[in-house]
Amino acid sequence: MPPREYHFYILASRSRDLYIGLTNNLRTRLAEHHELRPGTYTARYQITRLIHFEHFQYINNAINREKELKAWPRSKKIALIEASNPTWEDLAADW
């Protein structure tokens, strides 16, 4: 059985509203966000662009990272994003 992979990720809208999530299948989860299911936060604010993600081998590490970043102020989250993706490009645009 292949090892599991987990991803902590940040999505953004064009107006830079943010969404932080965690998944074991990043491609599938992004496809779900792109469906813009009514009643969801990401649909309400059109949050579909993958602007940051991190890979983890162990679920506990991914959960801890998600909790850590959710507690950060917005300014610190933006600094993290802009350190690796200064133009906020959709990292999954070619997927």
Protein backbone atom coordinates (compact mmCIF):
# COMPACT_ATOMS: atom_id res chain seq x y z
CA MET A 1 0.00 0.00 0.00
CA PRO A 2 1.49 3.40 -0.95
CA PRO A 3 2.13 5.86 1.86
CA ARG A 4 -0.57 8.44 2.56
CA GLU A 5 0.01 12.07 1.72
CA TYR A 6 -1.59 15.03 3.41
CA HIS A 7 -1.70 18.64 2.33
CA PHE A 8 -2.34 21.82 4.22
CA TYR A 9 -3.45 24.47 1.72
CA ILE A 10 -4.54 28.07 1.34
CA LEU A 11 -7.02 29.24 -1.29
CA ALA A 12 -7.77 32.83 -2.22
CA SER A 13 -10.35 34.77 -4.15
CA ARG A 14 -9.46 37.55 -6.58
CA SER A 15 -10.19 40.02 -3.79
CA ARG A 16 -7.84 38.04 -1.52
CA ASP A 17 -10.33 36.46 0.83
CA LEU A 18 -8.59 33.39 2.29
CA TYR A 19 -9.57 29.82 3.07
CA ILE A 20 -7.34 27.36 4.92
CA GLY A 21 -7.88 23.63 4.57
CA LEU A 22 -6.44 20.16 4.96
CA THR A 23 -6.84 17.13 2.69
CA ASN A 24 -5.38 13.78 1.76
CA ASN A 25 -6.13 14.37 -1.94
CA LEU A 26 -5.35 17.91 -3.04
CA ARG A 27 -6.51 17.57 -6.66
CA THR A 28 -9.89 16.13 -5.70
CA ARG A 29 -10.41 18.70 -2.96
CA LEU A 30 -9.62 21.56 -5.34
CA ALA A 31 -12.12 20.17 -7.84
CA GLU A 32 -14.74 20.22 -5.08
CA HIS A 33 -13.95 23.85 -4.29
CA HIS A 34 -14.27 24.72 -7.99
CA GLU A 35 -17.81 23.30 -8.00
CA LEU A 36 -18.81 26.28 -5.81
CA ARG A 37 -21.41 24.29 -3.92
CA PRO A 38 -24.16 26.60 -2.62
CA GLY A 39 -23.96 27.42 1.04
CA THR A 40 -20.20 26.98 1.34
CA TYR A 41 -17.79 29.69 2.40
CA THR A 42 -15.65 29.20 -0.70
CA ALA A 43 -18.66 29.52 -3.00
CA ARG A 44 -19.94 32.62 -1.24
CA TYR A 45 -16.64 34.44 -1.72
CA GLN A 46 -15.51 32.73 -4.96
CA ILE A 47 -12.42 31.29 -3.26
CA THR A 48 -10.91 28.81 -5.71
CA ARG A 49 -7.28 29.78 -6.38
CA LEU A 50 -4.61 27.61 -4.75
CA ILE A 51 -1.96 30.06 -3.58
CA HIS A 52 -0.01 28.01 -1.02
CA PHE A 53 0.27 24.38 0.01
CA GLU A 54 2.51 22.18 2.12
CA HIS A 55 2.99 18.42 1.94
CA PHE A 56 3.07 16.17 5.01
CA GLN A 57 3.65 12.46 5.48
CA TYR A 58 1.79 12.28 8.78
CA ILE A 59 -1.73 13.54 9.42
CA ASN A 60 -0.90 14.86 12.89
CA ASN A 61 1.76 17.17 11.44
CA ALA A 62 -0.69 18.48 8.86
CA ILE A 63 -3.39 19.06 11.48
CA ASN A 64 -0.96 20.89 13.73
CA ARG A 65 0.15 23.12 10.86
CA GLU A 66 -3.44 23.93 9.93
CA LYS A 67 -4.28 24.85 13.53
CA GLU A 68 -1.12 26.94 13.79
CA LEU A 69 -1.91 29.00 10.70
CA LYS A 70 -5.59 29.44 11.52
CA ALA A 71 -4.46 31.13 14.73
CA TRP A 72 -2.13 33.53 12.92
CA PRO A 73 -3.17 37.10 12.16
CA ARG A 74 -3.96 37.82 8.53
CA SER A 75 -0.73 39.81 8.09
CA LYS A 76 1.38 36.79 9.00
CA LYS A 77 -0.56 34.54 6.61
CA ILE A 78 -0.02 37.05 3.81
CA ALA A 79 3.71 37.18 4.57
CA LEU A 80 3.87 33.37 4.30
CA ILE A 81 2.02 33.39 0.98
CA GLU A 82 4.09 36.20 -0.50
CA ALA A 83 7.38 34.57 0.53
CA SER A 84 6.77 31.74 -1.95
CA ASN A 85 4.08 33.16 -4.25
CA PRO A 86 4.45 36.97 -4.35
CA THR A 87 1.97 37.45 -7.20
CA TRP A 88 -0.68 35.15 -5.69
CA GLU A 89 -0.80 33.04 -8.85
CA ASP A 90 -3.02 29.96 -8.90
CA LEU A 91 -0.56 27.12 -8.33
CA ALA A 92 -3.04 24.60 -9.71
CA ALA A 93 -3.91 26.50 -12.88
CA ASP A 94 -2.20 23.90 -15.07
CA TRP A 95 -3.54 20.86 -13.26
